[in-house]
């Protein structure tokens, strides 16, 4: 865990969809925790909020650092900052 960054990411439908299929470094933060948690995720799905039905948007993710069989939910409200990681090809 490390100190929280200053600015909080703002996610809406179009911004969330732009992360689909990417690997990201996400900083997670909660009000009752003084420090944030960082992790790498593959974003494989997006669940959009629907007014009056389900207000919380979230990503369906796989941990990029561990092999897992099942998807996890990464709620937008828990994301403090997020950066897309570039994939680089190794030269032969």
N, C-alpha and C. Protein backbone atom coordinates (compact mmCIF):
# COMPACT_ATOMS: atom_id res chain seq x y z
N UNK A 1 0.84 -1.18 0.00
CA UNK A 1 0.00 0.00 0.00
C UNK A 1 0.89 1.24 0.00
N UNK A 2 0.39 2.29 -0.64
CA UNK A 2 1.15 3.53 -0.64
C UNK A 2 0.18 4.70 -0.58
N UNK A 3 0.74 5.89 -0.39
CA UNK A 3 -0.08 7.09 -0.27
C UNK A 3 -0.94 7.28 -1.51
N UNK A 4 -2.12 7.80 -1.31
CA UNK A 4 -3.09 8.03 -2.37
C UNK A 4 -2.66 9.18 -3.28
N UNK A 5 -2.94 9.05 -4.57
CA UNK A 5 -2.68 10.15 -5.50
C UNK A 5 -3.69 11.26 -5.26
N UNK A 6 -3.42 12.43 -5.79
CA UNK A 6 -4.25 13.60 -5.55
C UNK A 6 -5.60 13.56 -6.26
N UNK A 7 -5.58 13.32 -7.57
CA UNK A 7 -6.81 13.39 -8.35
C UNK A 7 -7.50 12.04 -8.43
N UNK A 8 -8.83 12.06 -8.41
CA UNK A 8 -9.60 10.84 -8.53
C UNK A 8 -10.13 10.72 -9.95
N UNK A 9 -10.04 9.53 -10.55
CA UNK A 9 -10.51 9.30 -11.91
C UNK A 9 -12.03 9.42 -11.95
N UNK A 10 -12.54 10.03 -13.00
CA UNK A 10 -13.98 10.13 -13.22
C UNK A 10 -14.35 9.17 -14.35
N UNK A 11 -15.18 8.20 -14.04
CA UNK A 11 -15.59 7.22 -15.06
C UNK A 11 -17.04 7.45 -15.45
N UNK A 12 -17.28 7.45 -16.75
CA UNK A 12 -18.63 7.47 -17.30
C UNK A 12 -18.67 6.35 -18.34
N UNK A 13 -19.79 6.20 -19.01
CA UNK A 13 -19.94 5.08 -19.95
C UNK A 13 -18.87 5.07 -21.03
N UNK A 14 -18.65 6.19 -21.71
CA UNK A 14 -17.70 6.20 -22.82
C UNK A 14 -16.26 5.99 -22.33
N UNK A 15 -15.91 6.60 -21.22
CA UNK A 15 -14.55 6.42 -20.68
C UNK A 15 -14.35 4.98 -20.23
N UNK A 16 -15.34 4.40 -19.58
CA UNK A 16 -15.23 3.01 -19.12
C UNK A 16 -15.07 2.06 -20.30
N UNK A 17 -15.85 2.26 -21.34
CA UNK A 17 -15.77 1.39 -22.51
C UNK A 17 -14.41 1.49 -23.20
N UNK A 18 -13.74 2.63 -23.08
CA UNK A 18 -12.43 2.79 -23.71
C UNK A 18 -11.36 1.91 -23.06
N UNK A 19 -11.60 1.43 -21.84
CA UNK A 19 -10.66 0.55 -21.15
C UNK A 19 -10.88 -0.93 -21.49
N UNK A 20 -11.98 -1.25 -22.13
CA UNK A 20 -12.32 -2.64 -22.44
C UNK A 20 -11.23 -3.28 -23.31
N UNK A 21 -10.74 -4.44 -22.89
CA UNK A 21 -9.71 -5.15 -23.62
C UNK A 21 -8.29 -4.74 -23.27
N UNK A 22 -8.14 -3.79 -22.36
CA UNK A 22 -6.81 -3.30 -21.99
C UNK A 22 -6.37 -3.86 -20.65
N UNK A 23 -5.06 -3.80 -20.44
CA UNK A 23 -4.49 -4.09 -19.13
C UNK A 23 -4.22 -2.76 -18.46
N UNK A 24 -4.62 -2.65 -17.20
CA UNK A 24 -4.50 -1.37 -16.50
C UNK A 24 -3.81 -1.55 -15.16
N UNK A 25 -3.21 -0.47 -14.70
CA UNK A 25 -2.71 -0.36 -13.34
C UNK A 25 -3.73 0.49 -12.61
N UNK A 26 -4.39 -0.09 -11.62
CA UNK A 26 -5.46 0.62 -10.92
C UNK A 26 -5.08 0.87 -9.46
N UNK A 27 -5.37 2.07 -9.02
CA UNK A 27 -5.21 2.44 -7.62
C UNK A 27 -6.59 2.39 -6.99
N UNK A 28 -6.77 1.53 -6.01
CA UNK A 28 -8.06 1.39 -5.32
C UNK A 28 -7.99 2.11 -3.99
N UNK A 29 -9.06 2.82 -3.67
CA UNK A 29 -9.09 3.60 -2.42
C UNK A 29 -10.48 3.54 -1.81
N UNK A 30 -10.50 3.46 -0.49
CA UNK A 30 -11.76 3.45 0.26
C UNK A 30 -11.67 4.51 1.34
N UNK A 31 -12.82 5.08 1.68
CA UNK A 31 -12.86 6.18 2.66
C UNK A 31 -12.30 5.78 4.02
N UNK A 32 -12.51 4.54 4.43
CA UNK A 32 -12.08 4.12 5.76
C UNK A 32 -10.64 3.59 5.80
N UNK A 33 -9.93 3.66 4.68
CA UNK A 33 -8.53 3.22 4.60
C UNK A 33 -7.63 4.41 4.29
N UNK A 34 -6.59 4.63 5.08
CA UNK A 34 -5.72 5.79 4.84
C UNK A 34 -4.81 5.66 3.62
N UNK A 35 -4.55 4.44 3.20
CA UNK A 35 -3.66 4.20 2.06
C UNK A 35 -4.40 3.46 0.97
N UNK A 36 -3.90 3.61 -0.24
CA UNK A 36 -4.52 2.95 -1.38
C UNK A 36 -3.81 1.64 -1.69
N UNK A 37 -4.47 0.83 -2.51
CA UNK A 37 -3.94 -0.46 -2.95
C UNK A 37 -3.81 -0.41 -4.46
N UNK A 38 -2.67 -0.86 -4.99
CA UNK A 38 -2.43 -0.86 -6.43
C UNK A 38 -2.43 -2.29 -6.94
N UNK A 39 -3.01 -2.49 -8.14
CA UNK A 39 -3.01 -3.82 -8.75
C UNK A 39 -3.14 -3.67 -10.26
N UNK A 40 -2.71 -4.72 -10.98
CA UNK A 40 -2.84 -4.76 -12.44
C UNK A 40 -3.99 -5.70 -12.80
N UNK A 41 -4.82 -5.24 -13.74
CA UNK A 41 -5.99 -6.03 -14.16
C UNK A 41 -6.10 -6.04 -15.68
N UNK A 42 -6.63 -7.14 -16.20
CA UNK A 42 -7.09 -7.20 -17.58
C UNK A 42 -8.58 -6.88 -17.52
N UNK A 43 -9.03 -5.86 -18.24
CA UNK A 43 -10.45 -5.52 -18.25
C UNK A 43 -11.11 -6.28 -19.38
N UNK A 44 -11.99 -7.22 -19.02
CA UNK A 44 -12.61 -8.10 -20.01
C UNK A 44 -14.11 -7.84 -20.17
N UNK A 45 -14.67 -6.98 -19.34
CA UNK A 45 -16.09 -6.66 -19.46
C UNK A 45 -16.43 -5.38 -18.71
N UNK A 46 -17.55 -4.78 -19.08
CA UNK A 46 -18.02 -3.56 -18.44
C UNK A 46 -19.50 -3.72 -18.13
N UNK A 47 -19.88 -3.43 -16.89
CA UNK A 47 -21.30 -3.42 -16.51
C UNK A 47 -21.66 -1.96 -16.26
N UNK A 48 -22.56 -1.47 -17.09
CA UNK A 48 -22.92 -0.05 -17.03
C UNK A 48 -24.03 0.19 -16.02
N UNK A 49 -23.99 1.33 -15.35
CA UNK A 49 -25.09 1.66 -14.44
C UNK A 49 -26.36 1.96 -15.24
N UNK A 50 -27.49 1.59 -14.68
CA UNK A 50 -28.78 1.87 -15.29
C UNK A 50 -29.62 2.60 -14.24
N UNK A 51 -29.94 3.84 -14.55
CA UNK A 51 -30.66 4.68 -13.60
C UNK A 51 -31.96 4.02 -13.15
N UNK A 52 -32.14 3.96 -11.85
CA UNK A 52 -33.35 3.40 -11.27
C UNK A 52 -33.34 1.88 -11.14
N UNK A 53 -32.32 1.23 -11.73
CA UNK A 53 -32.26 -0.23 -11.64
C UNK A 53 -31.00 -0.66 -10.90
N UNK A 54 -29.85 -0.25 -11.41
CA UNK A 54 -28.58 -0.58 -10.77
C UNK A 54 -27.64 0.59 -11.00
N UNK A 55 -27.32 1.32 -9.95
CA UNK A 55 -26.61 2.59 -10.06
C UNK A 55 -25.09 2.46 -10.12
N UNK A 56 -24.54 1.30 -9.76
CA UNK A 56 -23.08 1.14 -9.65
C UNK A 56 -22.51 0.49 -10.89
N UNK A 57 -21.64 1.21 -11.60
CA UNK A 57 -20.94 0.61 -12.73
C UNK A 57 -19.70 -0.11 -12.24
N UNK A 58 -19.31 -1.15 -12.96
CA UNK A 58 -18.10 -1.86 -12.59
C UNK A 58 -17.50 -2.57 -13.79
N UNK A 59 -16.23 -2.93 -13.65
CA UNK A 59 -15.53 -3.70 -14.66
C UNK A 59 -15.51 -5.16 -14.24
N UNK A 60 -15.53 -6.05 -15.22
CA UNK A 60 -15.24 -7.46 -14.99
C UNK A 60 -13.76 -7.61 -15.34
N UNK A 61 -12.97 -8.09 -14.39
CA UNK A 61 -11.53 -8.09 -14.55
C UNK A 61 -10.91 -9.44 -14.19
N UNK A 62 -9.71 -9.63 -14.70
CA UNK A 62 -8.86 -10.73 -14.27
C UNK A 62 -7.56 -10.12 -13.78
N UNK A 63 -7.05 -10.64 -12.68
CA UNK A 63 -5.79 -10.17 -12.15
C UNK A 63 -4.69 -10.46 -13.17
N UNK A 64 -3.96 -9.44 -13.57
CA UNK A 64 -2.93 -9.60 -14.60
C UNK A 64 -1.65 -10.22 -14.05
N UNK A 65 -1.54 -10.31 -12.73
CA UNK A 65 -0.31 -10.82 -12.13
C UNK A 65 -0.44 -12.24 -11.60
N UNK A 66 -1.64 -12.78 -11.61
CA UNK A 66 -1.88 -14.13 -11.11
C UNK A 66 -2.82 -14.86 -12.06
N UNK A 67 -2.62 -16.14 -12.22
CA UNK A 67 -3.54 -16.93 -13.05
C UNK A 67 -4.77 -17.26 -12.22
N UNK A 68 -5.92 -16.87 -12.72
CA UNK A 68 -7.18 -17.14 -12.05
C UNK A 68 -8.17 -17.68 -13.06
N UNK A 69 -9.12 -18.47 -12.59
CA UNK A 69 -10.12 -19.05 -13.48
C UNK A 69 -11.39 -18.22 -13.57
N UNK A 70 -11.61 -17.34 -12.60
CA UNK A 70 -12.86 -16.61 -12.52
C UNK A 70 -12.64 -15.11 -12.58
N UNK A 71 -13.65 -14.41 -13.05
CA UNK A 71 -13.61 -12.95 -13.13
C UNK A 71 -13.92 -12.34 -11.78
N UNK A 72 -13.39 -11.15 -11.54
CA UNK A 72 -13.70 -10.36 -10.35
C UNK A 72 -14.42 -9.10 -10.78
N UNK A 73 -15.09 -8.46 -9.85
CA UNK A 73 -15.74 -7.18 -10.09
C UNK A 73 -14.86 -6.07 -9.53
N UNK A 74 -14.64 -5.05 -10.33
CA UNK A 74 -13.89 -3.88 -9.91
C UNK A 74 -14.82 -2.68 -10.04
N UNK A 75 -15.39 -2.26 -8.92
CA UNK A 75 -16.39 -1.19 -8.93
C UNK A 75 -15.74 0.16 -9.19
N UNK A 76 -16.37 0.95 -10.05
CA UNK A 76 -15.84 2.26 -10.40
C UNK A 76 -15.66 3.13 -9.17
N UNK A 77 -16.53 2.99 -8.20
CA UNK A 77 -16.46 3.83 -7.00
C UNK A 77 -15.20 3.55 -6.17
N UNK A 78 -14.57 2.39 -6.35
CA UNK A 78 -13.36 2.04 -5.61
C UNK A 78 -12.09 2.48 -6.32
N UNK A 79 -12.19 2.91 -7.57
CA UNK A 79 -11.01 3.26 -8.35
C UNK A 79 -10.66 4.73 -8.11
N UNK A 80 -9.46 4.94 -7.61
CA UNK A 80 -9.00 6.30 -7.38
C UNK A 80 -8.25 6.83 -8.60
N UNK A 81 -7.43 5.98 -9.19
CA UNK A 81 -6.74 6.34 -10.43
C UNK A 81 -6.50 5.07 -11.24
N UNK A 82 -6.31 5.25 -12.54
CA UNK A 82 -6.11 4.09 -13.41
C UNK A 82 -5.35 4.52 -14.65
N UNK A 83 -4.41 3.67 -15.07
CA UNK A 83 -3.60 3.96 -16.24
C UNK A 83 -3.52 2.71 -17.10
N UNK A 84 -3.71 2.88 -18.39
CA UNK A 84 -3.58 1.77 -19.33
C UNK A 84 -2.10 1.44 -19.51
N UNK A 85 -1.79 0.16 -19.48
CA UNK A 85 -0.42 -0.28 -19.70
C UNK A 85 -0.27 -0.70 -21.15
N UNK A 86 0.82 -0.30 -21.77
CA UNK A 86 1.06 -0.64 -23.17
C UNK A 86 1.69 -2.01 -23.26
N UNK A 87 1.28 -2.75 -24.28
CA UNK A 87 1.90 -4.04 -24.54
C UNK A 87 3.04 -3.83 -25.53
N UNK A 88 4.19 -4.34 -25.21
CA UNK A 88 5.33 -4.22 -26.09
C UNK A 88 5.75 -5.59 -26.58
N UNK A 89 6.04 -5.65 -27.85
CA UNK A 89 6.51 -6.92 -28.42
C UNK A 89 8.00 -7.05 -28.18
N UNK A 90 8.40 -8.24 -27.82
CA UNK A 90 9.82 -8.52 -27.66
C UNK A 90 10.43 -8.77 -29.02
N UNK A 91 11.58 -8.22 -29.25
CA UNK A 91 12.27 -8.44 -30.51
C UNK A 91 13.01 -9.76 -30.44
N UNK A 92 13.01 -10.48 -31.55
CA UNK A 92 13.73 -11.77 -31.62
C UNK A 92 15.22 -11.55 -31.74
